[in-house]
C-alpha atoms as a PDB file:
ATOM      1  CA  UNK A   1      16.719 -15.528  15.642  1.00  0.00           C
ATOM      2  CA  UNK A   2      15.143 -13.271  18.243  1.00  0.00           C
ATOM      3  CA  UNK A   3      12.501 -14.658  20.603  1.00  0.00           C
ATOM      4  CA  UNK A   4      10.551 -11.467  19.859  1.00  0.00           C
ATOM      5  CA  UNK A   5       9.797 -10.735  16.210  1.00  0.00           C
ATOM      6  CA  UNK A   6       9.835  -7.071  15.221  1.00  0.00           C
ATOM      7  CA  UNK A   7       6.931  -6.780  12.806  1.00  0.00           C
ATOM      8  CA  UNK A   8       6.459  -3.589  10.819  1.00  0.00           C
ATOM      9  CA  UNK A   9       3.131  -2.522   9.383  1.00  0.00           C
ATOM     10  CA  UNK A  10       1.432   0.654   8.213  1.00  0.00           C
ATOM     11  CA  UNK A  11      -0.952   2.650  10.448  1.00  0.00           C
ATOM     12  CA  UNK A  12      -3.747   2.578   7.870  1.00  0.00           C
ATOM     13  CA  UNK A  13      -7.155   0.945   7.792  1.00  0.00           C
ATOM     14  CA  UNK A  14      -6.241  -1.303   4.887  1.00  0.00           C
ATOM     15  CA  UNK A  15      -3.636  -3.167   6.960  1.00  0.00           C
ATOM     16  CA  UNK A  16      -5.874  -3.730   9.970  1.00  0.00           C
ATOM     17  CA  UNK A  17      -7.290  -7.122   8.884  1.00  0.00           C
ATOM     18  CA  UNK A  18      -3.769  -8.468   8.383  1.00  0.00           C
ATOM     19  CA  UNK A  19      -2.404  -7.711  11.832  1.00  0.00           C
ATOM     20  CA  UNK A  20      -5.284  -7.163  14.265  1.00  0.00           C
ATOM     21  CA  UNK A  21      -5.386 -10.785  15.515  1.00  0.00           C
ATOM     22  CA  UNK A  22      -1.635 -10.647  16.203  1.00  0.00           C
ATOM     23  CA  UNK A  23      -2.071  -7.362  18.063  1.00  0.00           C
ATOM     24  CA  UNK A  24      -4.868  -8.887  20.135  1.00  0.00           C
ATOM     25  CA  UNK A  25      -2.652 -11.939  20.817  1.00  0.00           C
ATOM     26  CA  UNK A  26      -5.240 -14.303  19.363  1.00  0.00           C
ATOM     27  CA  UNK A  27      -2.685 -16.190  17.264  1.00  0.00           C
ATOM     28  CA  UNK A  28      -0.571 -18.867  18.956  1.00  0.00           C
ATOM     29  CA  UNK A  29       3.125 -18.713  18.107  1.00  0.00           C
ATOM     30  CA  UNK A  30       6.456 -19.755  19.541  1.00  0.00           C
ATOM     31  CA  UNK A  31       7.496 -16.098  19.185  1.00  0.00           C
ATOM     32  CA  UNK A  32       6.333 -12.897  20.770  1.00  0.00           C
ATOM     33  CA  UNK A  33       5.494 -10.128  18.309  1.00  0.00           C
ATOM     34  CA  UNK A  34       6.391  -6.481  18.745  1.00  0.00           C
ATOM     35  CA  UNK A  35       4.265  -4.575  16.227  1.00  0.00           C
ATOM     36  CA  UNK A  36       5.756  -1.328  14.961  1.00  0.00           C
ATOM     37  CA  UNK A  37       3.535   0.983  12.904  1.00  0.00           C
ATOM     38  CA  UNK A  38       5.026   3.534  10.525  1.00  0.00           C
ATOM     39  CA  UNK A  39       4.394   4.963   7.045  1.00  0.00           C
ATOM     40  CA  UNK A  40       5.710   2.921   4.091  1.00  0.00           C
ATOM     41  CA  UNK A  41       8.674   5.228   3.559  1.00  0.00           C
ATOM     42  CA  UNK A  42       9.795   4.762   7.168  1.00  0.00           C
ATOM     43  CA  UNK A  43       9.274   0.983   7.200  1.00  0.00           C
ATOM     44  CA  UNK A  44      11.508   0.615   4.152  1.00  0.00           C
ATOM     45  CA  UNK A  45      14.333   2.405   5.945  1.00  0.00           C
ATOM     46  CA  UNK A  46      13.841   0.340   9.097  1.00  0.00           C
ATOM     47  CA  UNK A  47      14.106  -3.030   7.372  1.00  0.00           C
ATOM     48  CA  UNK A  48      17.177  -1.901   5.440  1.00  0.00           C
ATOM     49  CA  UNK A  49      18.989  -1.043   8.696  1.00  0.00           C
ATOM     50  CA  UNK A  50      17.803  -4.300  10.335  1.00  0.00           C
ATOM     51  CA  UNK A  51      15.402  -2.643  12.783  1.00  0.00           C
ATOM     52  CA  UNK A  52      12.621  -4.977  11.576  1.00  0.00           C
ATOM     53  CA  UNK A  53      12.460  -8.732  11.021  1.00  0.00           C
ATOM     54  CA  UNK A  54       9.388  -8.825   8.790  1.00  0.00           C
ATOM     55  CA  UNK A  55       7.424  -5.924   7.346  1.00  0.00           C
ATOM     56  CA  UNK A  56       4.468  -4.970   5.212  1.00  0.00           C
ATOM     57  CA  UNK A  57       6.405  -2.967   2.639  1.00  0.00           C
ATOM     58  CA  UNK A  58       5.683  -1.099  -0.530  1.00  0.00           C
ATOM     59  CA  UNK A  59       5.813  -3.583  -3.395  1.00  0.00           C
ATOM     60  CA  UNK A  60       8.572  -1.510  -5.007  1.00  0.00           C
ATOM     61  CA  UNK A  61      11.046  -2.258  -2.193  1.00  0.00           C
ATOM     62  CA  UNK A  62      11.841  -5.887  -3.115  1.00  0.00           C
ATOM     63  CA  UNK A  63      12.261  -4.701  -6.683  1.00  0.00           C
ATOM     64  CA  UNK A  64      14.926  -2.209  -5.650  1.00  0.00           C
ATOM     65  CA  UNK A  65      16.533  -4.387  -2.962  1.00  0.00           C
ATOM     66  CA  UNK A  66      17.317  -7.812  -4.395  1.00  0.00           C
ATOM     67  CA  UNK A  67      17.973  -9.518  -1.065  1.00  0.00           C
ATOM     68  CA  UNK A  68      14.395  -9.025   0.148  1.00  0.00           C
ATOM     69  CA  UNK A  69      11.948 -11.891  -0.377  1.00  0.00           C
ATOM     70  CA  UNK A  70       8.195 -11.612  -0.778  1.00  0.00           C
ATOM     71  CA  UNK A  71       5.955 -13.921   1.255  1.00  0.00           C
ATOM     72  CA  UNK A  72       3.558 -15.467  -1.221  1.00  0.00           C
ATOM     73  CA  UNK A  73      -0.231 -15.377  -1.053  1.00  0.00           C
ATOM     74  CA  UNK A  74      -0.818 -12.093   0.813  1.00  0.00           C
ATOM     75  CA  UNK A  75      -0.824  -8.443  -0.189  1.00  0.00           C
ATOM     76  CA  UNK A  76      -2.790  -5.229  -0.041  1.00  0.00           C
ATOM     77  CA  UNK A  77      -4.248  -4.685  -3.483  1.00  0.00           C
ATOM     78  CA  UNK A  78      -7.156  -3.259  -5.410  1.00  0.00           C
ATOM     79  CA  UNK A  79      -8.848  -4.558  -8.540  1.00  0.00           C
ATOM     80  CA  UNK A  80     -10.497  -1.255  -9.391  1.00  0.00           C
ATOM     81  CA  UNK A  81     -11.331   1.789  -7.249  1.00  0.00           C
ATOM     82  CA  UNK A  82      -9.355   2.069  -4.004  1.00  0.00           C
ATOM     83  CA  UNK A  83     -11.113   5.038  -2.334  1.00  0.00           C
ATOM     84  CA  UNK A  84      -7.973   5.685  -0.281  1.00  0.00           C
ATOM     85  CA  UNK A  85      -5.448   6.364  -3.074  1.00  0.00           C
ATOM     86  CA  UNK A  86      -6.276   9.448  -5.125  1.00  0.00           C
ATOM     87  CA  UNK A  87      -4.810  12.260  -7.179  1.00  0.00           C
ATOM     88  CA  UNK A  88      -6.443  15.576  -6.300  1.00  0.00           C
ATOM     89  CA  UNK A  89      -5.982  18.218  -8.962  1.00  0.00           C
ATOM     90  CA  UNK A  90      -7.070  21.552 -10.352  1.00  0.00           C
ATOM     91  CA  UNK A  91      -8.092  21.915 -13.969  1.00  0.00           C
ATOM     92  CA  UNK A  92      -7.389  19.451 -16.752  1.00  0.00           C
ATOM     93  CA  UNK A  93      -5.134  16.577 -15.579  1.00  0.00           C
ATOM     94  CA  UNK A  94      -3.277  16.720 -18.893  1.00  0.00           C
ATOM     95  CA  UNK A  95      -2.054  20.201 -17.887  1.00  0.00           C
ATOM     96  CA  UNK A  96      -0.453  19.154 -14.592  1.00  0.00           C
ATOM     97  CA  UNK A  97       3.022  20.720 -14.441  1.00  0.00           C
ATOM     98  CA  UNK A  98       3.892  20.150 -10.777  1.00  0.00           C
ATOM     99  CA  UNK A  99       2.808  17.052  -8.842  1.00  0.00           C
ATOM    100  CA  UNK A 100       2.916  16.748  -5.070  1.00  0.00           C
ATOM    101  CA  UNK A 101       4.056  13.302  -3.922  1.00  0.00           C
ATOM    102  CA  UNK A 102       2.743  11.925  -0.646  1.00  0.00           C
ATOM    103  CA  UNK A 103       5.557  12.049   1.918  1.00  0.00           C
ATOM    104  CA  UNK A 104       4.361   8.752   3.420  1.00  0.00           C
ATOM    105  CA  UNK A 105       4.072   6.832   0.162  1.00  0.00           C
ATOM    106  CA  UNK A 106       6.268   4.624  -1.980  1.00  0.00           C
ATOM    107  CA  UNK A 107       4.078   2.608  -4.353  1.00  0.00           C
ATOM    108  CA  UNK A 108       1.401   5.239  -4.946  1.00  0.00           C
ATOM    109  CA  UNK A 109       3.919   7.949  -5.826  1.00  0.00           C
ATOM    110  CA  UNK A 110       5.279   5.718  -8.581  1.00  0.00           C
ATOM    111  CA  UNK A 111       1.786   4.602  -9.604  1.00  0.00           C
ATOM    112  CA  UNK A 112       0.599   8.189  -9.958  1.00  0.00           C
ATOM    113  CA  UNK A 113       3.506   9.122 -12.207  1.00  0.00           C
ATOM    114  CA  UNK A 114       2.977   6.020 -14.353  1.00  0.00           C
ATOM    115  CA  UNK A 115      -0.692   6.901 -14.825  1.00  0.00           C
ATOM    116  CA  UNK A 116       0.038  10.521 -15.749  1.00  0.00           C
ATOM    117  CA  UNK A 117       2.565   9.307 -18.308  1.00  0.00           C
ATOM    118  CA  UNK A 118       0.464   6.480 -19.768  1.00  0.00           C
ATOM    119  CA  UNK A 119      -2.932   8.207 -19.817  1.00  0.00           C
ATOM    120  CA  UNK A 120      -2.020  11.859 -20.323  1.00  0.00           C
ATOM    121  CA  UNK A 121       1.470  11.678 -21.822  1.00  0.00           C
ATOM    122  CA  UNK A 122       2.964  14.017 -19.217  1.00  0.00           C
ATOM    123  CA  UNK A 123       5.956  13.916 -16.851  1.00  0.00           C
ATOM    124  CA  UNK A 124       5.376  16.701 -14.313  1.00  0.00           C
ATOM    125  CA  UNK A 125       7.920  18.080 -11.900  1.00  0.00           C
ATOM    126  CA  UNK A 126       7.539  16.407  -8.501  1.00  0.00           C
ATOM    127  CA  UNK A 127       7.845  17.704  -4.950  1.00  0.00           C
ATOM    128  CA  UNK A 128       7.127  16.060  -1.603  1.00  0.00           C
ATOM    129  CA  UNK A 129       4.126  17.290   0.395  1.00  0.00           C
ATOM    130  CA  UNK A 130       3.006  16.571   3.961  1.00  0.00           C
ATOM    131  CA  UNK A 131      -0.571  16.646   5.248  1.00  0.00           C
ATOM    132  CA  UNK A 132      -2.082  17.938   1.999  1.00  0.00           C
ATOM    133  CA  UNK A 133      -5.353  19.839   1.898  1.00  0.00           C
ATOM    134  CA  UNK A 134      -7.125  22.184  -0.510  1.00  0.00           C
ATOM    135  CA  UNK A 135      -4.522  24.917   0.070  1.00  0.00           C
ATOM    136  CA  UNK A 136      -1.861  22.551  -1.261  1.00  0.00           C
ATOM    137  CA  UNK A 137      -3.253  23.222  -4.735  1.00  0.00           C
ATOM    138  CA  UNK A 138      -2.015  26.805  -4.385  1.00  0.00           C
ATOM    139  CA  UNK A 139       1.524  25.392  -4.612  1.00  0.00           C
ATOM    140  CA  UNK A 140       1.120  22.422  -6.971  1.00  0.00           C
ATOM    141  CA  UNK A 141      -1.253  21.494  -9.783  1.00  0.00           C
ATOM    142  CA  UNK A 142      -2.064  18.111  -8.257  1.00  0.00           C
ATOM    143  CA  UNK A 143      -1.093  15.905  -5.351  1.00  0.00           C
ATOM    144  CA  UNK A 144      -1.238  12.235  -4.420  1.00  0.00           C
ATOM    145  CA  UNK A 145      -2.901  11.225  -1.167  1.00  0.00           C
ATOM    146  CA  UNK A 146      -2.844   7.788   0.443  1.00  0.00           C
ATOM    147  CA  UNK A 147      -4.257   6.272   3.593  1.00  0.00           C
ATOM    148  CA  UNK A 148      -6.956   7.303   6.002  1.00  0.00           C
ATOM    149  CA  UNK A 149      -6.569  11.055   5.443  1.00  0.00           C
ATOM    150  CA  UNK A 150      -7.859  10.553   1.909  1.00  0.00           C
ATOM    151  CA  UNK A 151     -11.348   9.740   3.201  1.00  0.00           C
ATOM    152  CA  UNK A 152     -11.607  13.266   4.630  1.00  0.00           C
ATOM    153  CA  UNK A 153     -10.226  14.864   1.478  1.00  0.00           C
ATOM    154  CA  UNK A 154     -12.909  13.110  -0.576  1.00  0.00           C
ATOM    155  CA  UNK A 155     -15.488  15.215   1.271  1.00  0.00           C
ATOM    156  CA  UNK A 156     -13.987  18.401  -0.178  1.00  0.00           C
ATOM    157  CA  UNK A 157     -14.907  19.931  -3.525  1.00  0.00           C
ATOM    158  CA  UNK A 158     -11.495  19.202  -5.051  1.00  0.00           C
ATOM    159  CA  UNK A 159     -11.430  17.374  -8.367  1.00  0.00           C
ATOM    160  CA  UNK A 160      -9.840  13.958  -8.091  1.00  0.00           C
ATOM    161  CA  UNK A 161      -9.449  10.558  -9.683  1.00  0.00           C
ATOM    162  CA  UNK A 162      -8.793   7.146  -8.187  1.00  0.00           C
ATOM    163  CA  UNK A 163      -5.414   5.605  -8.994  1.00  0.00           C
ATOM    164  CA  UNK A 164      -6.596   2.011  -8.643  1.00  0.00           C
ATOM    165  CA  UNK A 165      -9.551   2.596 -10.944  1.00  0.00           C
ATOM    166  CA  UNK A 166      -7.402   4.360 -13.539  1.00  0.00           C
ATOM    167  CA  UNK A 167      -4.722   1.652 -13.375  1.00  0.00           C
ATOM    168  CA  UNK A 168      -7.408  -0.970 -14.025  1.00  0.00           C
ATOM    169  CA  UNK A 169      -8.653   1.006 -17.037  1.00  0.00           C
ATOM    170  CA  UNK A 170      -5.131   1.225 -18.474  1.00  0.00           C
ATOM    171  CA  UNK A 171      -3.848  -2.297 -17.790  1.00  0.00           C
ATOM    172  CA  UNK A 172      -6.857  -4.480 -16.987  1.00  0.00           C
ATOM    173  CA  UNK A 173      -4.948  -5.722 -13.931  1.00  0.00           C
ATOM    174  CA  UNK A 174      -5.093  -5.336 -10.149  1.00  0.00           C
ATOM    175  CA  UNK A 175      -2.649  -2.955  -8.512  1.00  0.00           C
ATOM    176  CA  UNK A 176      -0.621  -4.297  -5.594  1.00  0.00           C
ATOM    177  CA  UNK A 177       0.392  -1.693  -3.031  1.00  0.00           C
ATOM    178  CA  UNK A 178       2.106  -3.676  -0.291  1.00  0.00           C
ATOM    179  CA  UNK A 179       3.469  -7.150   0.402  1.00  0.00           C
ATOM    180  CA  UNK A 180       4.955  -8.962   3.375  1.00  0.00           C
ATOM    181  CA  UNK A 181       8.729  -8.981   3.047  1.00  0.00           C
ATOM    182  CA  UNK A 182      11.498 -10.816   4.904  1.00  0.00           C
ATOM    183  CA  UNK A 183      15.290 -10.532   4.681  1.00  0.00           C
ATOM    184  CA  UNK A 184      17.058 -13.725   3.520  1.00  0.00           C
ATOM    185  CA  UNK A 185      18.257 -14.853   6.954  1.00  0.00           C
ATOM    186  CA  UNK A 186      14.676 -15.182   8.266  1.00  0.00           C
ATOM    187  CA  UNK A 187      13.356 -18.556   7.162  1.00  0.00           C
ATOM    188  CA  UNK A 188      11.187 -19.730  10.055  1.00  0.00           C
ATOM    189  CA  UNK A 189       7.889 -21.154   8.809  1.00  0.00           C
ATOM    190  CA  UNK A 190       6.148 -20.137  12.021  1.00  0.00           C
ATOM    191  CA  UNK A 191       6.330 -16.462  11.074  1.00  0.00           C
ATOM    192  CA  UNK A 192       4.674 -17.060   7.715  1.00  0.00           C
ATOM    193  CA  UNK A 193       2.048 -19.297   9.288  1.00  0.00           C
ATOM    194  CA  UNK A 194       1.239 -16.622  11.876  1.00  0.00           C
ATOM    195  CA  UNK A 195       0.825 -13.967   9.179  1.00  0.00           C
ATOM    196  CA  UNK A 196      -1.482 -16.188   7.148  1.00  0.00           C
ATOM    197  CA  UNK A 197      -3.617 -17.197  10.115  1.00  0.00           C
ATOM    198  CA  UNK A 198      -3.816 -13.582  11.263  1.00  0.00           C
ATOM    199  CA  UNK A 199      -4.980 -12.464   7.813  1.00  0.00           C
ATOM    200  CA  UNK A 200      -7.654 -15.164   7.658  1.00  0.00           C
ATOM    201  CA  UNK A 201      -8.940 -14.402  11.150  1.00  0.00           C
ATOM    202  CA  UNK A 202      -8.779 -10.637  10.591  1.00  0.00           C
ATOM    203  CA  UNK A 203     -10.997 -10.839   7.527  1.00  0.00           C
ATOM    204  CA  UNK A 204     -13.563 -12.789   9.528  1.00  0.00           C
ATOM    205  CA  UNK A 205     -13.536 -10.049  12.192  1.00  0.00           C
ATOM    206  CA  UNK A 206     -14.248  -7.156   9.819  1.00  0.00           C
ATOM    207  CA  UNK A 207     -17.985  -6.860  10.341  1.00  0.00           C
ATOM    208  CA  UNK A 208     -17.419  -6.833  14.105  1.00  0.00           C
ATOM    209  CA  UNK A 209     -14.847  -4.033  14.055  1.00  0.00           C
ATOM    210  CA  UNK A 210     -16.321  -1.741  11.377  1.00  0.00           C
ATOM    211  CA  UNK A 211     -18.720  -0.027  13.851  1.00  0.00           C
ATOM    212  CA  UNK A 212     -15.829   0.728  16.230  1.00  0.00           C
ATOM    213  CA  UNK A 213     -13.664   2.073  13.414  1.00  0.00           C
ATOM    214  CA  UNK A 214     -16.541   4.265  12.282  1.00  0.00           C
ATOM    215  CA  UNK A 215     -16.918   5.769  15.762  1.00  0.00           C
ATOM    216  CA  UNK A 216     -13.224   6.322  16.427  1.00  0.00           C
ATOM    217  CA  UNK A 217     -12.217   7.616  12.986  1.00  0.00           C
ATOM    218  CA  UNK A 218     -15.374   9.413  11.955  1.00  0.00           C
ATOM    219  CA  UNK A 219     -15.846   7.488   8.722  1.00  0.00           C
ATOM    220  CA  UNK A 220     -19.428   6.431   7.864  1.00  0.00           C
ATOM    221  CA  UNK A 221     -20.120   2.726   8.307  1.00  0.00           C
ATOM    222  CA  UNK A 222     -21.409   2.351   4.760  1.00  0.00           C
ATOM    223  CA  UNK A 223     -18.134   3.770   3.411  1.00  0.00           C
ATOM    224  CA  UNK A 224     -16.089   1.373   5.538  1.00  0.00           C
ATOM    225  CA  UNK A 225     -18.243  -1.596   4.552  1.00  0.00           C
ATOM    226  CA  UNK A 226     -17.748  -0.816   0.874  1.00  0.00           C
ATOM    227  CA  UNK A 227     -14.049  -0.192   1.408  1.00  0.00           C
ATOM    228  CA  UNK A 228     -13.277  -3.465   3.169  1.00  0.00           C
ATOM    229  CA  UNK A 229     -15.591  -5.669   1.115  1.00  0.00           C
ATOM    230  CA  UNK A 230     -15.181  -4.166  -2.372  1.00  0.00           C
ATOM    231  CA  UNK A 231     -12.223  -1.796  -2.650  1.00  0.00           C
ATOM    232  CA  UNK A 232      -9.325  -3.442  -0.835  1.00  0.00           C
ATOM    233  CA  UNK A 233      -8.246  -7.059  -1.248  1.00  0.00           C
ATOM    234  CA  UNK A 234      -5.610  -9.166   0.465  1.00  0.00           C
ATOM    235  CA  UNK A 235      -4.576 -12.010  -1.863  1.00  0.00           C
ATOM    236  CA  UNK A 236      -1.433 -12.380  -3.962  1.00  0.00           C
ATOM    237  CA  UNK A 237      -2.205 -14.705  -6.836  1.00  0.00           C
ATOM    238  CA  UNK A 238      -1.529 -14.929 -10.551  1.00  0.00           C
ATOM    239  CA  UNK A 239      -3.379 -11.754 -11.589  1.00  0.00           C
ATOM    240  CA  UNK A 240      -1.877  -9.698  -8.765  1.00  0.00           C
ATOM    241  CA  UNK A 241       1.623 -10.852  -9.759  1.00  0.00           C
ATOM    242  CA  UNK A 242       0.902  -9.827 -13.350  1.00  0.00           C
ATOM    243  CA  UNK A 243      -0.054  -6.415 -11.987  1.00  0.00           C
ATOM    244  CA  UNK A 244       3.234  -6.217 -10.075  1.00  0.00           C
ATOM    245  CA  UNK A 245       5.216  -7.121 -13.197  1.00  0.00           C
ATOM    246  CA  UNK A 246       3.339  -4.533 -15.277  1.00  0.00           C
ATOM    247  CA  UNK A 247       3.980  -1.812 -12.697  1.00  0.00           C
ATOM    248  CA  UNK A 248       7.696  -2.588 -12.705  1.00  0.00           C
ATOM    249  CA  UNK A 249       7.757  -2.568 -16.506  1.00  0.00           C
ATOM    250  CA  UNK A 250       6.024   0.809 -16.776  1.00  0.00           C
ATOM    251  CA  UNK A 251       8.031   2.326 -13.910  1.00  0.00           C
ATOM    252  CA  UNK A 252      11.280   1.366 -15.631  1.00  0.00           C
ATOM    253  CA  UNK A 253       9.948   2.818 -18.876  1.00  0.00           C
ATOM    254  CA  UNK A 254       9.920   6.276 -17.246  1.00  0.00           C
ATOM    255  CA  UNK A 255      13.122   5.688 -15.240  1.00  0.00           C
ATOM    256  CA  UNK A 256      11.507   5.367 -11.807  1.00  0.00           C
ATOM    257  CA  UNK A 257      12.768   1.819 -11.136  1.00  0.00           C
ATOM    258  CA  UNK A 258      15.656  -0.350 -12.357  1.00  0.00           C
ATOM    259  CA  UNK A 259      15.022  -2.978 -15.053  1.00  0.00           C
ATOM    260  CA  UNK A 260      12.289  -5.406 -14.046  1.00  0.00           C
ATOM    261  CA  UNK A 261      13.329  -8.745 -12.597  1.00  0.00           C
ATOM    262  CA  UNK A 262      11.464 -11.787 -11.356  1.00  0.00           C
ATOM    263  CA  UNK A 263      10.696 -11.456  -7.664  1.00  0.00           C
ATOM    264  CA  UNK A 264      11.455 -14.279  -5.254  1.00  0.00           C
ATOM    265  CA  UNK A 265       8.240 -15.455  -3.601  1.00  0.00           C
ATOM    266  CA  UNK A 266       8.686 -17.425  -0.403  1.00  0.00           C
ATOM    267  CA  UNK A 267       6.088 -20.051   0.471  1.00  0.00           C
ATOM    268  CA  UNK A 268       7.311 -21.137   3.891  1.00  0.00           C
END
């Protein structure tokens, strides 16, 4: 095993509490940590080609790649509105013919298609879009947006609905977006312990860092406070795992994922 662990995470606000203490070197470990930030789609590729040792991946990746193991107890999830994961659309959602998928996303692209199928009974054509804005709706009927850019899009006059909120209405379950994943040859308990301690410490630091995030990213403090304390959650327990299983079931139903299987959760 390397003396330096290559840790992949997403460059979004919702991952900050999980990794900030590691970045600030406030967590003692026998390893050094090289933190690599990239969109979910890129992180998935990097762990598959062994460019990462542990990564915060879309929850769909360990479903598709059987050798990957999920570290238990931690995730990025929502038990209702997310704020940062939306479908922006024009007109009646039931009339969406062409859907723009977020180029950076994995989970949310599948989630959006599940919701359109389950709630509206539609299977629109899909295309990838980068950096969507209002003009994107000249080319598609709707598009999915994830991450920090969504906060700015919410200030527009585009119609939209929240994927986490709609998922909750349909299933009654939380939606899990990302989980910590390790390949099978990484079994060192220290890595898991570091991730858990970093998550715990990061959550305690939130109220200290929200003002700085507000200044640097131009997002109102009240929005950030609501987001971190009400919209995004970081556990992976029984209800979250039920949500994962339901997503896999419904994704397979519309041929977006292979048949559902029981994930391997690694305790350390």
